[in-house]
Amino acid sequence: MRRYLLYSVLLSQFLGAGLAREQAVASAQAHTVAAQTPSAEAIWGDLMEGNQRFVTGKTKAVDVVTLRNTLVKEQKPKVVVVACSDSRVSPEIVFDKNLGDIFVVESAGNVVGPVGVGSIEYAVEHLGSSVLVVLGHQGCGAVAAACSGEKMPSTNLQAIVDKILPAVTRAKAHAKADDVVEAAILENIHQSAEDILAGSEVLQHFLHDGKLTVFEAIYELGSGQVVQLRTFSGNH
C-alpha cells in the first residue's frame, strides 16, 4: 500500500513537472512569435518606404524566380490592401512590393461586398495579415459616376454606384460644387473601411483584440504618393 502511495506521489510530481515544462515551452514560443511579428506602425512604415522608392523611381530589384519558388508551399502576407481596380493603381507597384507581400482585394471604387469581406477575413484569420489598408485614389471614375446622379446602364454598375452614394451625400453636405468629387473620394474611403468592419464579426474581433489595424489612405495619380488618412485599431 505504501509502495502504491509513493508511486502515485512520484507519478503526480512527474506529470506536474512535465506539464510545467510544456507550459514554459509554449509561453516561450508565444513570446518568440510576438517578438518576430512586426507592429502595425512598422508594417505601415515599410509600405511608406516602398512608396517613396516608387515615387523617386528607385524601386528594388528582385530575383523573381527564386522568390516565386519560395512561395510555392505557403504565403504569409502581413498586409491586406483594398484598392480600386483602376489600372493606374496597382498596390504591389505603388508600394514597391512583390509576390507574397500583399493580399490584394480590388473592385471599382474600392467598395467591398460579401465576397471581398470574406477574402479579407481569410487573409487575417488564416494567413496572419495584421494590417488592412483601404486605398482610394484621386480621379476615381466610380465616385465621379456616383456624383453625376445619372442612372447606370446596367444593374451591376448601378450596384457599385449605390455603395458609393452615401459618401456622395456626405460630401455634398460640406463641399463646394467644384470640390464634391474629391470630397466624395475621401468620404468613400472612410465609408469603405467602416462597411468592411461592419460586415464582419471576424474582423471586429481581431480589431478589438489589437490583432488588426486599419489604415485609410489615398493615392495621388500625378505624384505617385500615398497619403495616410485615418488609422484605427482596438486601442483607438
Protein backbone atom coordinates (compact mmCIF):
# COMPACT_ATOMS: atom_id res chain seq x y z
CA MET A 1 0.00 0.00 0.00
CA ARG A 2 2.82 2.36 0.95
CA ARG A 3 4.57 1.49 -2.30
CA TYR A 4 1.41 2.35 -4.25
CA LEU A 5 1.05 5.69 -2.49
CA LEU A 6 4.70 6.50 -3.12
CA TYR A 7 4.30 5.58 -6.78
CA SER A 8 1.24 7.81 -7.05
CA VAL A 9 3.05 10.75 -5.50
CA LEU A 10 6.07 10.33 -7.77
CA LEU A 11 3.85 9.97 -10.84
CA SER A 12 1.93 13.11 -9.91
CA GLN A 13 5.14 15.06 -9.45
CA PHE A 14 6.50 13.76 -12.75
CA LEU A 15 3.35 14.68 -14.67
CA GLY A 16 3.21 18.07 -12.97
CA ALA A 17 6.81 18.80 -13.91
CA GLY A 18 6.14 17.71 -17.48
CA LEU A 19 3.08 19.95 -17.74
CA ALA A 20 5.04 22.86 -16.33
CA ARG A 21 7.79 22.32 -18.90
CA GLU A 22 5.21 22.18 -21.72
CA GLN A 23 3.60 25.39 -20.49
CA ALA A 24 7.00 27.07 -20.25
CA VAL A 25 7.89 25.99 -23.79
CA ALA A 26 4.53 27.16 -25.13
CA SER A 27 4.94 30.50 -23.38
CA ALA A 28 8.46 30.91 -24.76
CA GLN A 29 7.23 30.09 -28.26
CA ALA A 30 4.41 32.61 -27.94
CA HIS A 31 6.87 35.30 -26.84
CA THR A 32 9.14 34.41 -29.77
CA VAL A 33 6.29 34.71 -32.28
CA ALA A 34 5.22 38.02 -30.74
CA ALA A 35 8.78 39.32 -30.94
CA GLN A 36 9.05 38.27 -34.58
CA THR A 37 5.74 39.87 -35.56
CA PRO A 38 6.29 43.50 -36.59
CA SER A 39 3.97 46.17 -35.22
CA ALA A 40 1.32 47.78 -37.39
CA GLU A 41 3.33 51.00 -37.37
CA ALA A 42 6.43 49.14 -38.57
CA ILE A 43 4.46 47.45 -41.36
CA TRP A 44 2.98 50.77 -42.44
CA GLY A 45 6.41 52.39 -42.28
CA ASP A 46 7.76 49.68 -44.58
CA LEU A 47 4.95 50.37 -47.05
CA MET A 48 5.76 54.07 -46.95
CA GLU A 49 9.43 53.39 -47.61
CA GLY A 50 8.42 51.32 -50.61
CA ASN A 51 6.10 54.06 -51.82
CA GLN A 52 8.92 56.59 -51.56
CA ARG A 53 11.11 54.34 -53.71
CA PHE A 54 8.27 54.20 -56.25
CA VAL A 55 7.82 57.98 -56.19
CA THR A 56 11.52 58.56 -56.84
CA GLY A 57 11.84 55.75 -59.39
CA LYS A 58 14.37 53.85 -57.29
CA THR A 59 12.49 50.59 -56.85
CA LYS A 60 14.21 47.42 -55.64
CA ALA A 61 15.46 44.74 -57.99
CA VAL A 62 14.12 41.28 -57.07
CA ASP A 63 15.09 37.78 -58.13
CA VAL A 64 11.53 36.82 -59.02
CA VAL A 65 12.40 33.23 -59.96
CA THR A 66 13.86 32.49 -56.52
CA LEU A 67 11.06 34.40 -54.82
CA ARG A 68 8.42 32.53 -56.77
CA ASN A 69 9.89 29.18 -55.74
CA THR A 70 9.97 30.11 -52.05
CA LEU A 71 6.25 30.88 -52.18
CA VAL A 72 5.11 27.60 -53.72
CA LYS A 73 4.07 25.99 -50.42
CA GLU A 74 2.68 28.95 -48.48
CA GLN A 75 2.04 32.67 -48.30
CA LYS A 76 2.20 34.94 -45.27
CA PRO A 77 1.33 38.47 -46.37
CA LYS A 78 1.43 40.93 -43.50
CA VAL A 79 -0.87 43.37 -45.29
CA VAL A 80 -4.28 43.31 -46.95
CA VAL A 81 -4.91 46.18 -49.36
CA VAL A 82 -8.40 47.01 -50.55
CA ALA A 83 -7.97 49.13 -53.65
CA CYS A 84 -9.82 50.37 -56.70
CA SER A 85 -9.47 48.15 -59.76
CA ASP A 86 -8.29 51.21 -61.73
CA SER A 87 -5.34 50.11 -63.89
CA ARG A 88 -3.28 53.07 -62.67
CA VAL A 89 -3.43 51.91 -59.05
CA SER A 90 -1.58 48.64 -58.50
CA PRO A 91 -0.77 48.21 -54.78
CA GLU A 92 2.25 45.96 -55.38
CA ILE A 93 3.79 48.56 -57.67
CA VAL A 94 2.72 51.62 -55.69
CA PHE A 95 4.30 50.20 -52.51
CA ASP A 96 7.28 48.64 -54.33
CA LYS A 97 6.39 45.13 -53.19
CA ASN A 98 6.37 41.77 -54.93
CA LEU A 99 4.87 38.31 -54.89
CA GLY A 100 3.71 37.22 -51.45
CA ASP A 101 3.93 40.67 -49.85
CA ILE A 102 0.38 42.00 -50.19
CA PHE A 103 -3.01 40.29 -50.23
CA VAL A 104 -4.98 42.48 -52.66
CA VAL A 105 -8.75 42.87 -52.93
CA GLU A 106 -9.77 45.13 -55.80
CA SER A 107 -13.06 46.47 -57.13
CA ALA A 108 -14.23 49.64 -58.84
CA GLY A 109 -14.47 52.45 -56.33
CA ASN A 110 -12.70 50.31 -53.68
CA VAL A 111 -16.12 49.18 -52.45
CA VAL A 112 -16.37 45.72 -50.91
CA GLY A 113 -19.27 43.28 -50.76
CA PRO A 114 -19.56 39.89 -49.01
CA VAL A 115 -17.07 38.16 -51.31
CA GLY A 116 -14.47 40.85 -50.73
CA VAL A 117 -15.04 40.89 -46.98
CA GLY A 118 -14.72 37.11 -46.91
CA SER A 119 -11.42 37.39 -48.75
CA ILE A 120 -10.14 39.84 -46.14
CA GLU A 121 -11.29 37.53 -43.35
CA TYR A 122 -9.35 34.68 -44.93
CA ALA A 123 -6.15 36.73 -45.07
CA VAL A 124 -6.47 37.95 -41.48
CA GLU A 125 -7.67 34.72 -39.88
CA HIS A 126 -5.71 32.13 -41.86
CA LEU A 127 -2.71 33.89 -43.39
CA GLY A 128 -1.81 36.09 -40.43
CA SER A 129 -2.29 39.51 -42.03
CA SER A 130 -2.42 42.12 -39.28
CA VAL A 131 -2.79 45.34 -41.28
CA LEU A 132 -5.66 46.35 -43.55
CA VAL A 133 -5.14 49.29 -45.90
CA VAL A 134 -8.18 50.82 -47.61
CA LEU A 135 -6.68 52.70 -50.53
CA GLY A 136 -8.65 55.16 -52.63
CA HIS A 137 -7.23 57.39 -55.32
CA GLN A 138 -7.61 60.76 -56.93
CA GLY A 139 -9.75 60.95 -60.07
CA CYS A 140 -11.79 57.86 -59.25
CA GLY A 141 -14.24 57.25 -62.10
CA ALA A 142 -16.62 55.21 -59.99
CA VAL A 143 -17.00 58.02 -57.47
CA ALA A 144 -17.40 60.57 -60.27
CA ALA A 145 -20.19 58.43 -61.74
CA ALA A 146 -21.93 58.34 -58.38
CA CYS A 147 -21.61 62.12 -58.08
CA SER A 148 -23.19 62.63 -61.51
CA GLY A 149 -26.57 61.42 -60.31
CA GLU A 150 -27.13 59.57 -63.57
CA LYS A 151 -28.66 56.10 -63.69
CA MET A 152 -26.10 53.48 -64.73
CA PRO A 153 -26.65 51.41 -67.91
CA SER A 154 -26.59 48.05 -66.07
CA THR A 155 -27.69 46.71 -62.70
CA ASN A 156 -24.12 45.68 -61.94
CA LEU A 157 -22.74 49.17 -62.49
CA GLN A 158 -25.64 50.61 -60.53
CA ALA A 159 -24.73 48.32 -57.62
CA ILE A 160 -21.28 49.93 -57.48
CA VAL A 161 -22.71 53.43 -57.57
CA ASP A 162 -25.30 52.58 -54.89
CA LYS A 163 -22.50 51.59 -52.50
CA ILE A 164 -20.83 54.97 -53.06
CA LEU A 165 -23.94 57.20 -52.89
CA PRO A 166 -23.94 57.64 -49.07
CA ALA A 167 -20.40 59.03 -49.31
CA VAL A 168 -21.56 61.41 -52.05
CA THR A 169 -24.40 62.61 -49.86
CA ARG A 170 -22.00 63.37 -47.00
CA ALA A 171 -19.59 65.16 -49.36
CA LYS A 172 -22.31 67.37 -50.81
CA ALA A 173 -23.26 68.45 -47.29
CA HIS A 174 -19.94 70.23 -46.75
CA ALA A 175 -18.09 70.60 -50.07
CA LYS A 176 -18.40 73.27 -52.73
CA ALA A 177 -19.81 72.15 -56.06
CA ASP A 178 -16.39 72.07 -57.76
CA ASP A 179 -14.92 70.01 -54.93
CA VAL A 180 -17.65 67.41 -54.50
CA VAL A 181 -15.93 64.59 -56.39
CA GLU A 182 -12.65 64.85 -54.48
CA ALA A 183 -14.52 65.23 -51.20
CA ALA A 184 -16.65 62.21 -52.06
CA ILE A 185 -13.49 60.18 -52.81
CA LEU A 186 -12.28 60.84 -49.26
CA GLU A 187 -15.69 60.09 -47.78
CA ASN A 188 -15.85 56.87 -49.79
CA ILE A 189 -12.52 55.69 -48.38
CA HIS A 190 -13.88 56.22 -44.86
CA GLN A 191 -17.14 54.52 -45.73
CA SER A 192 -15.43 51.52 -47.34
CA ALA A 193 -13.38 50.91 -44.21
CA GLU A 194 -16.44 51.22 -42.00
CA ASP A 195 -18.52 48.95 -44.25
CA ILE A 196 -15.84 46.26 -44.22
CA LEU A 197 -15.71 46.17 -40.44
CA ALA A 198 -19.46 46.48 -40.01
CA GLY A 199 -19.96 43.47 -42.27
CA SER A 200 -17.59 41.13 -40.42
CA GLU A 201 -17.72 39.90 -36.83
CA VAL A 202 -14.41 38.16 -37.52
CA LEU A 203 -12.62 41.40 -38.36
CA GLN A 204 -14.30 43.23 -35.48
CA HIS A 205 -12.95 40.55 -33.14
CA PHE A 206 -9.39 40.88 -34.46
CA LEU A 207 -9.64 44.69 -34.30
CA HIS A 208 -10.95 44.61 -30.72
CA ASP A 209 -8.15 42.25 -29.64
CA GLY A 210 -5.47 44.50 -31.13
CA LYS A 211 -4.58 41.95 -33.81
CA LEU A 212 -5.73 44.13 -36.71
CA THR A 213 -5.02 47.76 -37.53
CA VAL A 214 -6.78 49.66 -40.31
CA PHE A 215 -5.09 52.40 -42.30
CA GLU A 216 -7.05 54.60 -44.68
CA ALA A 217 -5.05 56.23 -47.45
CA ILE A 218 -5.35 57.98 -50.80
CA TYR A 219 -3.10 57.59 -53.83
CA GLU A 220 -2.14 60.68 -55.83
CA LEU A 221 -2.09 59.81 -59.51
CA GLY A 222 0.37 62.52 -60.54
CA SER A 223 2.99 62.30 -57.81
CA GLY A 224 2.60 58.58 -57.11
CA GLN A 225 2.50 59.33 -53.40
CA VAL A 226 0.28 57.53 -50.90
CA VAL A 227 -1.06 59.85 -48.21
CA GLN A 228 -2.27 58.42 -44.91
CA LEU A 229 -5.70 59.47 -43.69
CA ARG A 230 -7.32 57.84 -40.64
CA THR A 231 -5.93 54.95 -38.64
CA PHE A 232 -7.78 52.88 -36.10
CA SER A 233 -7.27 49.72 -34.08
CA GLY A 234 -8.53 48.13 -30.88
CA ASN A 235 -6.55 50.73 -28.92
CA HIS A 236 -8.19 53.72 -30.60
